[in-house]
Amino acid sequence: MEKISETILKFLRLDNIVQHLTGYVETRIELMKAEIREDVAKAIARGMVMVVLFLVSFLFLIFFSVGLAHFINSYFEVAYTGYWTVAGIYAVTFLIVLVFRKNIFQYFEQQFSQLIKRKAK
């Protein structure tokens, strides 16, 4: 049965077309694999950079907060005033974010959707 199909393909000169078509499909699959690998590598690299930035920012925030608290303590000459002031600043920031969380979420959602649309072009 296979010899008959090969004979018909050779008779109609379709064997080269079939070979080229399968080669084209295989090449497209390999290209897609390479593009996916590249996109995954970029995503992992961005994620690692974001983690490092987060950690460094977190450490900066901790040390800055402690330093600011000590400075306020020395200014008011009371051992706890600076820590309460810094905690109050964080509490106010938390409350502002809590109150406006829907607006903040919508803003970031719009920004990310625009970023994805630009990437797709």
PDB file of N, CA and C in Angstrom:
ATOM      1  N   MET A   1       0.827  -1.185   0.000  1.00  0.00           N
ATOM      2  CA  MET A   1       0.000   0.000   0.000  1.00  0.00           C
ATOM      3  C   MET A   1       0.873   1.250   0.000  1.00  0.00           C
ATOM      4  N   GLU A   2       1.979   1.171   0.753  1.00  0.00           N
ATOM      5  CA  GLU A   2       2.861   2.331   0.829  1.00  0.00           C
ATOM      6  C   GLU A   2       3.548   2.585  -0.503  1.00  0.00           C
ATOM      7  N   LYS A   3       3.876   1.506  -1.213  1.00  0.00           N
ATOM      8  CA  LYS A   3       4.528   1.665  -2.511  1.00  0.00           C
ATOM      9  C   LYS A   3       3.582   2.302  -3.523  1.00  0.00           C
ATOM     10  N   ILE A   4       2.316   2.008  -3.384  1.00  0.00           N
ATOM     11  CA  ILE A   4       1.335   2.589  -4.312  1.00  0.00           C
ATOM     12  C   ILE A   4       1.246   4.098  -4.080  1.00  0.00           C
ATOM     13  N   SER A   5       1.198   4.516  -2.801  1.00  0.00           N
ATOM     14  CA  SER A   5       1.108   5.952  -2.516  1.00  0.00           C
ATOM     15  C   SER A   5       2.385   6.667  -2.947  1.00  0.00           C
ATOM     16  N   GLU A   6       3.556   6.017  -2.784  1.00  0.00           N
ATOM     17  CA  GLU A   6       4.800   6.619  -3.244  1.00  0.00           C
ATOM     18  C   GLU A   6       4.818   6.738  -4.757  1.00  0.00           C
ATOM     19  N   THR A   7       4.330   5.734  -5.433  1.00  0.00           N
ATOM     20  CA  THR A   7       4.290   5.749  -6.898  1.00  0.00           C
ATOM     21  C   THR A   7       3.363   6.848  -7.397  1.00  0.00           C
ATOM     22  N   ILE A   8       2.221   6.993  -6.754  1.00  0.00           N
ATOM     23  CA  ILE A   8       1.267   8.036  -7.162  1.00  0.00           C
ATOM     24  C   ILE A   8       1.874   9.421  -6.915  1.00  0.00           C
ATOM     25  N   LEU A   9       2.526   9.597  -5.767  1.00  0.00           N
ATOM     26  CA  LEU A   9       3.150  10.885  -5.467  1.00  0.00           C
ATOM     27  C   LEU A   9       4.250  11.211  -6.474  1.00  0.00           C
ATOM     28  N   LYS A  10       5.061  10.203  -6.840  1.00  0.00           N
ATOM     29  CA  LYS A  10       6.114  10.432  -7.829  1.00  0.00           C
ATOM     30  C   LYS A  10       5.509  10.711  -9.200  1.00  0.00           C
ATOM     31  N   PHE A  11       4.444  10.016  -9.526  1.00  0.00           N
ATOM     32  CA  PHE A  11       3.798  10.217 -10.823  1.00  0.00           C
ATOM     33  C   PHE A  11       3.238  11.636 -10.929  1.00  0.00           C
ATOM     34  N   LEU A  12       2.644  12.096  -9.869  1.00  0.00           N
ATOM     35  CA  LEU A  12       2.062  13.443  -9.881  1.00  0.00           C
ATOM     36  C   LEU A  12       3.085  14.520  -9.495  1.00  0.00           C
ATOM     37  N   ARG A  13       4.320  14.095  -9.241  1.00  0.00           N
ATOM     38  CA  ARG A  13       5.418  14.984  -8.849  1.00  0.00           C
ATOM     39  C   ARG A  13       5.089  15.766  -7.575  1.00  0.00           C
ATOM     40  N   LEU A  14       4.425  15.108  -6.655  1.00  0.00           N
ATOM     41  CA  LEU A  14       4.069  15.717  -5.383  1.00  0.00           C
ATOM     42  C   LEU A  14       5.030  15.320  -4.271  1.00  0.00           C
ATOM     43  N   ASP A  15       5.927  14.390  -4.544  1.00  0.00           N
ATOM     44  CA  ASP A  15       6.833  13.939  -3.496  1.00  0.00           C
ATOM     45  C   ASP A  15       7.754  15.054  -3.013  1.00  0.00           C
ATOM     46  N   ASN A  16       8.234  15.887  -3.922  1.00  0.00           N
ATOM     47  CA  ASN A  16       9.079  17.015  -3.513  1.00  0.00           C
ATOM     48  C   ASN A  16       8.280  18.044  -2.718  1.00  0.00           C
ATOM     49  N   ILE A  17       7.056  18.262  -3.112  1.00  0.00           N
ATOM     50  CA  ILE A  17       6.212  19.224  -2.401  1.00  0.00           C
ATOM     51  C   ILE A  17       5.959  18.740  -0.978  1.00  0.00           C
ATOM     52  N   VAL A  18       5.674  17.451  -0.839  1.00  0.00           N
ATOM     53  CA  VAL A  18       5.436  16.885   0.491  1.00  0.00           C
ATOM     54  C   VAL A  18       6.702  16.987   1.336  1.00  0.00           C
ATOM     55  N   GLN A  19       7.860  16.706   0.760  1.00  0.00           N
ATOM     56  CA  GLN A  19       9.115  16.810   1.504  1.00  0.00           C
ATOM     57  C   GLN A  19       9.380  18.254   1.928  1.00  0.00           C
ATOM     58  N   HIS A  20       9.160  19.193   1.006  1.00  0.00           N
ATOM     59  CA  HIS A  20       9.379  20.606   1.340  1.00  0.00           C
ATOM     60  C   HIS A  20       8.389  21.088   2.398  1.00  0.00           C
ATOM     61  N   LEU A  21       7.157  20.629   2.290  1.00  0.00           N
ATOM     62  CA  LEU A  21       6.144  21.026   3.258  1.00  0.00           C
ATOM     63  C   LEU A  21       6.478  20.489   4.650  1.00  0.00           C
ATOM     64  N   THR A  22       6.884  19.238   4.739  1.00  0.00           N
ATOM     65  CA  THR A  22       7.250  18.690   6.049  1.00  0.00           C
ATOM     66  C   THR A  22       8.496  19.382   6.599  1.00  0.00           C
ATOM     67  N   GLY A  23       9.444  19.700   5.734  1.00  0.00           N
ATOM     68  CA  GLY A  23      10.628  20.440   6.169  1.00  0.00           C
ATOM     69  C   GLY A  23      10.255  21.819   6.675  1.00  0.00           C
ATOM     70  N   TYR A  24       9.314  22.463   5.981  1.00  0.00           N
ATOM     71  CA  TYR A  24       8.852  23.789   6.400  1.00  0.00           C
ATOM     72  C   TYR A  24       8.176  23.723   7.762  1.00  0.00           C
ATOM     73  N   VAL A  25       7.327  22.742   7.954  1.00  0.00           N
ATOM     74  CA  VAL A  25       6.618  22.587   9.230  1.00  0.00           C
ATOM     75  C   VAL A  25       7.614  22.313  10.356  1.00  0.00           C
ATOM     76  N   GLU A  26       8.576  21.440  10.123  1.00  0.00           N
ATOM     77  CA  GLU A  26       9.583  21.146  11.139  1.00  0.00           C
ATOM     78  C   GLU A  26      10.408  22.385  11.478  1.00  0.00           C
ATOM     79  N   THR A  27      10.760  23.170  10.469  1.00  0.00           N
ATOM     80  CA  THR A  27      11.519  24.396  10.700  1.00  0.00           C
ATOM     81  C   THR A  27      10.711  25.400  11.508  1.00  0.00           C
ATOM     82  N   ARG A  28       9.420  25.538  11.186  1.00  0.00           N
ATOM     83  CA  ARG A  28       8.554  26.460  11.941  1.00  0.00           C
ATOM     84  C   ARG A  28       8.430  26.016  13.404  1.00  0.00           C
ATOM     85  N   ILE A  29       8.334  24.726  13.635  1.00  0.00           N
ATOM     86  CA  ILE A  29       8.242  24.218  15.007  1.00  0.00           C
ATOM     87  C   ILE A  29       9.524  24.534  15.773  1.00  0.00           C
ATOM     88  N   GLU A  30      10.680  24.319  15.142  1.00  0.00           N
ATOM     89  CA  GLU A  30      11.952  24.630  15.794  1.00  0.00           C
ATOM     90  C   GLU A  30      12.077  26.122  16.071  1.00  0.00           C
ATOM     91  N   LEU A  31      11.613  26.951  15.140  1.00  0.00           N
ATOM     92  CA  LEU A  31      11.646  28.397  15.340  1.00  0.00           C
ATOM     93  C   LEU A  31      10.765  28.809  16.517  1.00  0.00           C
ATOM     94  N   MET A  32       9.576  28.213  16.604  1.00  0.00           N
ATOM     95  CA  MET A  32       8.685  28.524  17.721  1.00  0.00           C
ATOM     96  C   MET A  32       9.297  28.090  19.045  1.00  0.00           C
ATOM     97  N   LYS A  33       9.963  26.940  19.061  1.00  0.00           N
ATOM     98  CA  LYS A  33      10.625  26.471  20.276  1.00  0.00           C
ATOM     99  C   LYS A  33      11.710  27.457  20.700  1.00  0.00           C
ATOM    100  N   ALA A  34      12.496  27.940  19.741  1.00  0.00           N
ATOM    101  CA  ALA A  34      13.560  28.893  20.049  1.00  0.00           C
ATOM    102  C   ALA A  34      12.979  30.205  20.575  1.00  0.00           C
ATOM    103  N   GLU A  35      11.883  30.667  19.977  1.00  0.00           N
ATOM    104  CA  GLU A  35      11.250  31.900  20.440  1.00  0.00           C
ATOM    105  C   GLU A  35      10.682  31.738  21.846  1.00  0.00           C
ATOM    106  N   ILE A  36      10.095  30.587  22.119  1.00  0.00           N
ATOM    107  CA  ILE A  36       9.554  30.333  23.461  1.00  0.00           C
ATOM    108  C   ILE A  36      10.679  30.280  24.476  1.00  0.00           C
ATOM    109  N   ARG A  37      11.794  29.628  24.133  1.00  0.00           N
ATOM    110  CA  ARG A  37      12.942  29.582  25.042  1.00  0.00           C
ATOM    111  C   ARG A  37      13.459  30.990  25.327  1.00  0.00           C
ATOM    112  N   GLU A  38      13.515  31.816  24.290  1.00  0.00           N
ATOM    113  CA  GLU A  38      13.985  33.193  24.450  1.00  0.00           C
ATOM    114  C   GLU A  38      13.043  33.987  25.349  1.00  0.00           C
ATOM    115  N   ASP A  39      11.743  33.840  25.146  1.00  0.00           N
ATOM    116  CA  ASP A  39      10.773  34.550  25.980  1.00  0.00           C
ATOM    117  C   ASP A  39      10.842  34.088  27.433  1.00  0.00           C
ATOM    118  N   VAL A  40      11.001  32.793  27.648  1.00  0.00           N
ATOM    119  CA  VAL A  40      11.108  32.270  29.011  1.00  0.00           C
ATOM    120  C   VAL A  40      12.386  32.790  29.673  1.00  0.00           C
ATOM    121  N   ALA A  41      13.477  32.825  28.926  1.00  0.00           N
ATOM    122  CA  ALA A  41      14.737  33.334  29.474  1.00  0.00           C
ATOM    123  C   ALA A  41      14.598  34.807  29.859  1.00  0.00           C
ATOM    124  N   LYS A  42      13.932  35.587  29.009  1.00  0.00           N
ATOM    125  CA  LYS A  42      13.714  37.004  29.325  1.00  0.00           C
ATOM    126  C   LYS A  42      12.844  37.150  30.569  1.00  0.00           C
ATOM    127  N   ALA A  43      11.800  36.353  30.678  1.00  0.00           N
ATOM    128  CA  ALA A  43      10.904  36.434  31.836  1.00  0.00           C
ATOM    129  C   ALA A  43      11.640  36.057  33.117  1.00  0.00           C
ATOM    130  N   ILE A  44      12.458  35.028  33.068  1.00  0.00           N
ATOM    131  CA  ILE A  44      13.223  34.618  34.248  1.00  0.00           C
ATOM    132  C   ILE A  44      14.220  35.701  34.628  1.00  0.00           C
ATOM    133  N   ALA A  45      14.892  36.285  33.632  1.00  0.00           N
ATOM    134  CA  ALA A  45      15.858  37.347  33.919  1.00  0.00           C
ATOM    135  C   ALA A  45      15.168  38.559  34.544  1.00  0.00           C
ATOM    136  N   ARG A  46      14.025  38.944  34.000  1.00  0.00           N
ATOM    137  CA  ARG A  46      13.278  40.068  34.574  1.00  0.00           C
ATOM    138  C   ARG A  46      12.827  39.750  35.991  1.00  0.00           C
ATOM    139  N   GLY A  47      12.366  38.531  36.196  1.00  0.00           N
ATOM    140  CA  GLY A  47      11.935  38.129  37.534  1.00  0.00           C
ATOM    141  C   GLY A  47      13.078  38.178  38.534  1.00  0.00           C
ATOM    142  N   MET A  48      14.255  37.720  38.123  1.00  0.00           N
ATOM    143  CA  MET A  48      15.402  37.752  39.026  1.00  0.00           C
ATOM    144  C   MET A  48      15.800  39.188  39.342  1.00  0.00           C
ATOM    145  N   VAL A  49      15.773  40.060  38.346  1.00  0.00           N
ATOM    146  CA  VAL A  49      16.102  41.466  38.584  1.00  0.00           C
ATOM    147  C   VAL A  49      15.085  42.084  39.539  1.00  0.00           C
ATOM    148  N   MET A  50      13.816  41.751  39.360  1.00  0.00           N
ATOM    149  CA  MET A  50      12.781  42.297  40.237  1.00  0.00           C
ATOM    150  C   MET A  50      12.967  41.805  41.671  1.00  0.00           C
ATOM    151  N   VAL A  51      13.338  40.552  41.855  1.00  0.00           N
ATOM    152  CA  VAL A  51      13.579  40.018  43.201  1.00  0.00           C
ATOM    153  C   VAL A  51      14.752  40.731  43.850  1.00  0.00           C
ATOM    154  N   VAL A  52      15.828  40.932  43.092  1.00  0.00           N
ATOM    155  CA  VAL A  52      16.997  41.630  43.643  1.00  0.00           C
ATOM    156  C   VAL A  52      16.629  43.068  43.996  1.00  0.00           C
ATOM    157  N   LEU A  53      15.901  43.748  43.111  1.00  0.00           N
ATOM    158  CA  LEU A  53      15.472  45.115  43.409  1.00  0.00           C
ATOM    159  C   LEU A  53      14.583  45.168  44.642  1.00  0.00           C
ATOM    160  N   PHE A  54      13.690  44.210  44.762  1.00  0.00           N
ATOM    161  CA  PHE A  54      12.814  44.164  45.934  1.00  0.00           C
ATOM    162  C   PHE A  54      13.628  43.986  47.210  1.00  0.00           C
ATOM    163  N   LEU A  55      14.566  43.050  47.196  1.00  0.00           N
ATOM    164  CA  LEU A  55      15.374  42.802  48.395  1.00  0.00           C
ATOM    165  C   LEU A  55      16.215  44.013  48.779  1.00  0.00           C
ATOM    166  N   VAL A  56      16.848  44.633  47.792  1.00  0.00           N
ATOM    167  CA  VAL A  56      17.671  45.812  48.076  1.00  0.00           C
ATOM    168  C   VAL A  56      16.796  46.954  48.574  1.00  0.00           C
ATOM    169  N   SER A  57      15.640  47.140  47.952  1.00  0.00           N
ATOM    170  CA  SER A  57      14.719  48.193  48.395  1.00  0.00           C
ATOM    171  C   SER A  57      14.227  47.924  49.812  1.00  0.00           C
ATOM    172  N   PHE A  58      13.943  46.673  50.113  1.00  0.00           N
ATOM    173  CA  PHE A  58      13.476  46.305  51.444  1.00  0.00           C
ATOM    174  C   PHE A  58      14.556  46.586  52.495  1.00  0.00           C
ATOM    175  N   LEU A  59      15.793  46.211  52.180  1.00  0.00           N
ATOM    176  CA  LEU A  59      16.887  46.488  53.113  1.00  0.00           C
ATOM    177  C   LEU A  59      17.082  47.991  53.290  1.00  0.00           C
ATOM    178  N   PHE A  60      17.011  48.745  52.195  1.00  0.00           N
ATOM    179  CA  PHE A  60      17.126  50.191  52.291  1.00  0.00           C
ATOM    180  C   PHE A  60      16.022  50.758  53.177  1.00  0.00           C
ATOM    181  N   LEU A  61      14.809  50.291  52.981  1.00  0.00           N
ATOM    182  CA  LEU A  61      13.683  50.783  53.770  1.00  0.00           C
ATOM    183  C   LEU A  61      13.871  50.483  55.254  1.00  0.00           C
ATOM    184  N   ILE A  62      14.347  49.306  55.573  1.00  0.00           N
ATOM    185  CA  ILE A  62      14.567  48.938  56.978  1.00  0.00           C
ATOM    186  C   ILE A  62      15.623  49.842  57.609  1.00  0.00           C
ATOM    187  N   PHE A  63      16.777  49.951  56.944  1.00  0.00           N
ATOM    188  CA  PHE A  63      17.852  50.756  57.522  1.00  0.00           C
ATOM    189  C   PHE A  63      17.501  52.240  57.548  1.00  0.00           C
ATOM    190  N   PHE A  64      16.817  52.717  56.539  1.00  0.00           N
ATOM    191  CA  PHE A  64      16.386  54.112  56.530  1.00  0.00           C
ATOM    192  C   PHE A  64      15.407  54.371  57.664  1.00  0.00           C
ATOM    193  N   SER A  65      14.485  53.432  57.880  1.00  0.00           N
ATOM    194  CA  SER A  65      13.506  53.591  58.952  1.00  0.00           C
ATOM    195  C   SER A  65      14.166  53.620  60.321  1.00  0.00           C
ATOM    196  N   VAL A  66      15.102  52.736  60.541  1.00  0.00           N
ATOM    197  CA  VAL A  66      15.806  52.704  61.823  1.00  0.00           C
ATOM    198  C   VAL A  66      16.619  53.979  62.006  1.00  0.00           C
ATOM    199  N   GLY A  67      17.296  54.404  60.947  1.00  0.00           N
ATOM    200  CA  GLY A  67      18.081  55.634  61.027  1.00  0.00           C
ATOM    201  C   GLY A  67      17.209  56.854  61.285  1.00  0.00           C
ATOM    202  N   LEU A  68      16.073  56.938  60.589  1.00  0.00           N
ATOM    203  CA  LEU A  68      15.154  58.048  60.806  1.00  0.00           C
ATOM    204  C   LEU A  68      14.605  58.023  62.229  1.00  0.00           C
ATOM    205  N   ALA A  69      14.282  56.846  62.730  1.00  0.00           N
ATOM    206  CA  ALA A  69      13.770  56.728  64.094  1.00  0.00           C
ATOM    207  C   ALA A  69      14.821  57.185  65.106  1.00  0.00           C
ATOM    208  N   HIS A  70      16.073  56.777  64.897  1.00  0.00           N
ATOM    209  CA  HIS A  70      17.135  57.221  65.805  1.00  0.00           C
ATOM    210  C   HIS A  70      17.332  58.735  65.728  1.00  0.00           C
ATOM    211  N   PHE A  71      17.271  59.281  64.519  1.00  0.00           N
ATOM    212  CA  PHE A  71      17.417  60.725  64.367  1.00  0.00           C
ATOM    213  C   PHE A  71      16.302  61.466  65.109  1.00  0.00           C
ATOM    214  N   ILE A  72      15.068  61.006  64.952  1.00  0.00           N
ATOM    215  CA  ILE A  72      13.939  61.651  65.641  1.00  0.00           C
ATOM    216  C   ILE A  72      14.074  61.478  67.150  1.00  0.00           C
ATOM    217  N   ASN A  73      14.553  60.312  67.583  1.00  0.00           N
ATOM    218  CA  ASN A  73      14.790  60.090  69.017  1.00  0.00           C
ATOM    219  C   ASN A  73      15.798  61.093  69.563  1.00  0.00           C
ATOM    220  N   SER A  74      16.879  61.303  68.825  1.00  0.00           N
ATOM    221  CA  SER A  74      17.894  62.245  69.313  1.00  0.00           C
ATOM    222  C   SER A  74      17.381  63.673  69.263  1.00  0.00           C
ATOM    223  N   TYR A  75      16.525  63.981  68.327  1.00  0.00           N
ATOM    224  CA  TYR A  75      15.975  65.328  68.220  1.00  0.00           C
ATOM    225  C   TYR A  75      15.044  65.633  69.395  1.00  0.00           C
ATOM    226  N   PHE A  76      14.179  64.692  69.732  1.00  0.00           N
ATOM    227  CA  PHE A  76      13.224  64.902  70.829  1.00  0.00           C
ATOM    228  C   PHE A  76      13.763  64.435  72.177  1.00  0.00           C
ATOM    229  N   GLU A  77      14.912  63.788  72.188  1.00  0.00           N
ATOM    230  CA  GLU A  77      15.570  63.288  73.391  1.00  0.00           C
ATOM    231  C   GLU A  77      14.689  62.329  74.188  1.00  0.00           C
ATOM    232  N   VAL A  78      13.888  61.558  73.465  1.00  0.00           N
ATOM    233  CA  VAL A  78      13.050  60.527  74.068  1.00  0.00           C
ATOM    234  C   VAL A  78      13.333  59.238  73.295  1.00  0.00           C
ATOM    235  N   ALA A  79      13.414  58.107  73.995  1.00  0.00           N
ATOM    236  CA  ALA A  79      13.865  56.852  73.385  1.00  0.00           C
ATOM    237  C   ALA A  79      12.846  56.204  72.457  1.00  0.00           C
ATOM    238  N   TYR A  80      11.603  56.596  72.481  1.00  0.00           N
ATOM    239  CA  TYR A  80      10.596  55.902  71.687  1.00  0.00           C
ATOM    240  C   TYR A  80       9.862  56.801  70.693  1.00  0.00           C
ATOM    241  N   THR A  81      10.000  58.072  70.740  1.00  0.00           N
ATOM    242  CA  THR A  81       9.250  58.986  69.883  1.00  0.00           C
ATOM    243  C   THR A  81       9.519  58.729  68.401  1.00  0.00           C
ATOM    244  N   GLY A  82      10.770  58.502  68.063  1.00  0.00           N
ATOM    245  CA  GLY A  82      11.127  58.274  66.661  1.00  0.00           C
ATOM    246  C   GLY A  82      10.485  57.021  66.099  1.00  0.00           C
ATOM    247  N   TYR A  83      10.461  55.962  66.887  1.00  0.00           N
ATOM    248  CA  TYR A  83       9.871  54.706  66.410  1.00  0.00           C
ATOM    249  C   TYR A  83       8.364  54.848  66.222  1.00  0.00           C
ATOM    250  N   TRP A  84       7.712  55.548  67.140  1.00  0.00           N
ATOM    251  CA  TRP A  84       6.272  55.768  66.983  1.00  0.00           C
ATOM    252  C   TRP A  84       5.986  56.652  65.766  1.00  0.00           C
ATOM    253  N   THR A  85       6.826  57.631  65.519  1.00  0.00           N
ATOM    254  CA  THR A  85       6.631  58.509  64.366  1.00  0.00           C
ATOM    255  C   THR A  85       6.779  57.739  63.062  1.00  0.00           C
ATOM    256  N   VAL A  86       7.830  56.942  62.970  1.00  0.00           N
ATOM    257  CA  VAL A  86       8.043  56.136  61.760  1.00  0.00           C
ATOM    258  C   VAL A  86       6.907  55.133  61.585  1.00  0.00           C
ATOM    259  N   ALA A  87       6.480  54.507  62.657  1.00  0.00           N
ATOM    260  CA  ALA A  87       5.346  53.580  62.576  1.00  0.00           C
ATOM    261  C   ALA A  87       4.082  54.317  62.132  1.00  0.00           C
ATOM    262  N   GLY A  88       3.893  55.533  62.599  1.00  0.00           N
ATOM    263  CA  GLY A  88       2.733  56.336  62.175  1.00  0.00           C
ATOM    264  C   GLY A  88       2.780  56.661  60.695  1.00  0.00           C
ATOM    265  N   ILE A  89       3.972  56.962  60.194  1.00  0.00           N
ATOM    266  CA  ILE A  89       4.116  57.224  58.754  1.00  0.00           C
ATOM    267  C   ILE A  89       3.716  55.993  57.956  1.00  0.00           C
ATOM    268  N   TYR A  90       4.177  54.826  58.386  1.00  0.00           N
ATOM    269  CA  TYR A  90       3.801  53.590  57.693  1.00  0.00           C
ATOM    270  C   TYR A  90       2.312  53.297  57.825  1.00  0.00           C
ATOM    271  N   ALA A  91       1.732  53.596  58.974  1.00  0.00           N
ATOM    272  CA  ALA A  91       0.296  53.361  59.169  1.00  0.00           C
ATOM    273  C   ALA A  91      -0.526  54.255  58.248  1.00  0.00           C
ATOM    274  N   VAL A  92      -0.131  55.526  58.119  1.00  0.00           N
ATOM    275  CA  VAL A  92      -0.846  56.437  57.217  1.00  0.00           C
ATOM    276  C   VAL A  92      -0.708  55.979  55.780  1.00  0.00           C
ATOM    277  N   THR A  93       0.501  55.557  55.401  1.00  0.00           N
ATOM    278  CA  THR A  93       0.715  55.034  54.044  1.00  0.00           C
ATOM    279  C   THR A  93      -0.154  53.807  53.797  1.00  0.00           C
ATOM    280  N   PHE A  94      -0.209  52.908  54.760  1.00  0.00           N
ATOM    281  CA  PHE A  94      -1.037  51.713  54.645  1.00  0.00           C
ATOM    282  C   PHE A  94      -2.512  52.080  54.476  1.00  0.00           C
ATOM    283  N   LEU A  95      -2.989  53.026  55.275  1.00  0.00           N
ATOM    284  CA  LEU A  95      -4.398  53.432  55.179  1.00  0.00           C
ATOM    285  C   LEU A  95      -4.720  54.080  53.832  1.00  0.00           C
ATOM    286  N   ILE A  96      -3.796  54.879  53.312  1.00  0.00           N
ATOM    287  CA  ILE A  96      -4.011  55.499  51.996  1.00  0.00           C
ATOM    288  C   ILE A  96      -4.099  54.431  50.921  1.00  0.00           C
ATOM    289  N   VAL A  97      -3.195  53.479  50.953  1.00  0.00           N
ATOM    290  CA  VAL A  97      -3.226  52.390  49.969  1.00  0.00           C
ATOM    291  C   VAL A  97      -4.488  51.555  50.140  1.00  0.00           C
ATOM    292  N   LEU A  98      -4.903  51.318  51.379  1.00  0.00           N
ATOM    293  CA  LEU A  98      -6.105  50.542  51.639  1.00  0.00           C
ATOM    294  C   LEU A  98      -7.348  51.236  51.095  1.00  0.00           C
ATOM    295  N   VAL A  99      -7.432  52.545  51.286  1.00  0.00           N
ATOM    296  CA  VAL A  99      -8.604  53.293  50.823  1.00  0.00           C
ATOM    297  C   VAL A  99      -8.648  53.355  49.298  1.00  0.00           C
ATOM    298  N   PHE A 100      -7.502  53.555  48.668  1.00  0.00           N
ATOM    299  CA  PHE A 100      -7.449  53.727  47.212  1.00  0.00           C
ATOM    300  C   PHE A 100      -6.997  52.465  46.478  1.00  0.00           C
ATOM    301  N   ARG A 101      -7.160  51.301  47.085  1.00  0.00           N
ATOM    302  CA  ARG A 101      -6.652  50.071  46.476  1.00  0.00           C
ATOM    303  C   ARG A 101      -7.308  49.745  45.150  1.00  0.00           C
ATOM    304  N   LYS A 102      -8.592  50.037  44.980  1.00  0.00           N
ATOM    305  CA  LYS A 102      -9.259  49.746  43.709  1.00  0.00           C
ATOM    306  C   LYS A 102      -8.713  50.627  42.602  1.00  0.00           C
ATOM    307  N   ASN A 103      -8.515  51.910  42.900  1.00  0.00           N
ATOM    308  CA  ASN A 103      -7.956  52.818  41.899  1.00  0.00           C
ATOM    309  C   ASN A 103      -6.516  52.431  41.547  1.00  0.00           C
ATOM    310  N   ILE A 104      -5.746  52.048  42.554  1.00  0.00           N
ATOM    311  CA  ILE A 104      -4.367  51.628  42.323  1.00  0.00           C
ATOM    312  C   ILE A 104      -4.354  50.356  41.480  1.00  0.00           C
ATOM    313  N   PHE A 105      -5.240  49.411  41.797  1.00  0.00           N
ATOM    314  CA  PHE A 105      -5.326  48.165  41.034  1.00  0.00           C
ATOM    315  C   PHE A 105      -5.691  48.460  39.579  1.00  0.00           C
ATOM    316  N   GLN A 106      -6.668  49.316  39.350  1.00  0.00           N
ATOM    317  CA  GLN A 106      -7.072  49.658  37.983  1.00  0.00           C
ATOM    318  C   GLN A 106      -5.947  50.338  37.227  1.00  0.00           C
ATOM    319  N   TYR A 107      -5.211  51.206  37.887  1.00  0.00           N
ATOM    320  CA  TYR A 107      -4.090  51.887  37.241  1.00  0.00           C
ATOM    321  C   TYR A 107      -3.039  50.886  36.780  1.00  0.00           C
ATOM    322  N   PHE A 108      -2.641  49.977  37.673  1.00  0.00           N
ATOM    323  CA  PHE A 108      -1.639  48.993  37.307  1.00  0.00           C
ATOM    324  C   PHE A 108      -2.161  48.031  36.240  1.00  0.00           C
ATOM    325  N   GLU A 109      -3.428  47.689  36.298  1.00  0.00           N
ATOM    326  CA  GLU A 109      -4.015  46.824  35.283  1.00  0.00           C
ATOM    327  C   GLU A 109      -3.948  47.485  33.912  1.00  0.00           C
ATOM    328  N   GLN A 110      -4.267  48.770  33.829  1.00  0.00           N
ATOM    329  CA  GLN A 110      -4.178  49.496  32.562  1.00  0.00           C
ATOM    330  C   GLN A 110      -2.739  49.559  32.066  1.00  0.00           C
ATOM    331  N   GLN A 111      -1.814  49.832  32.963  1.00  0.00           N
ATOM    332  CA  GLN A 111      -0.416  49.934  32.560  1.00  0.00           C
ATOM    333  C   GLN A 111       0.107  48.600  32.028  1.00  0.00           C
ATOM    334  N   PHE A 112      -0.232  47.508  32.695  1.00  0.00           N
ATOM    335  CA  PHE A 112       0.220  46.201  32.237  1.00  0.00           C
ATOM    336  C   PHE A 112      -0.450  45.797  30.930  1.00  0.00           C
ATOM    337  N   SER A 113      -1.720  46.110  30.754  1.00  0.00           N
ATOM    338  CA  SER A 113      -2.385  45.771  29.499  1.00  0.00           C
ATOM    339  C   SER A 113      -1.786  46.567  28.342  1.00  0.00           C
ATOM    340  N   GLN A 114      -1.437  47.842  28.580  1.00  0.00           N
ATOM    341  CA  GLN A 114      -0.782  48.629  27.532  1.00  0.00           C
ATOM    342  C   GLN A 114       0.594  48.073  27.222  1.00  0.00           C
ATOM    343  N   LEU A 115       1.302  47.629  28.234  1.00  0.00           N
ATOM    344  CA  LEU A 115       2.618  47.034  28.023  1.00  0.00           C
ATOM    345  C   LEU A 115       2.509  45.758  27.199  1.00  0.00           C
ATOM    346  N   ILE A 116       1.508  44.946  27.492  1.00  0.00           N
ATOM    347  CA  ILE A 116       1.312  43.703  26.738  1.00  0.00           C
ATOM    348  C   ILE A 116       0.916  44.004  25.298  1.00  0.00           C
ATOM    349  N   LYS A 117       0.088  45.016  25.097  1.00  0.00           N
ATOM    350  CA  LYS A 117      -0.305  45.383  23.730  1.00  0.00           C
ATOM    351  C   LYS A 117       0.896  45.868  22.929  1.00  0.00           C
ATOM    352  N   ARG A 118       1.779  46.644  23.570  1.00  0.00           N
ATOM    353  CA  ARG A 118       2.984  47.116  22.874  1.00  0.00           C
ATOM    354  C   ARG A 118       3.904  45.949  22.532  1.00  0.00           C
ATOM    355  N   LYS A 119       3.976  44.960  23.431  1.00  0.00           N
ATOM    356  CA  LYS A 119       4.807  43.778  23.181  1.00  0.00           C
ATOM    357  C   LYS A 119       4.270  42.958  22.017  1.00  0.00           C
ATOM    358  N   ALA A 120       2.935  42.918  21.879  1.00  0.00           N
ATOM    359  CA  ALA A 120       2.322  42.098  20.833  1.00  0.00           C
ATOM    360  C   ALA A 120       2.537  42.682  19.447  1.00  0.00           C
ATOM    361  N   LYS A 121       2.769  43.990  19.363  1.00  0.00           N
ATOM    362  CA  LYS A 121       2.961  44.634  18.044  1.00  0.00           C
ATOM    363  C   LYS A 121       4.273  44.341  17.443  1.00  0.00           C
TER     364      LYS A 121
END
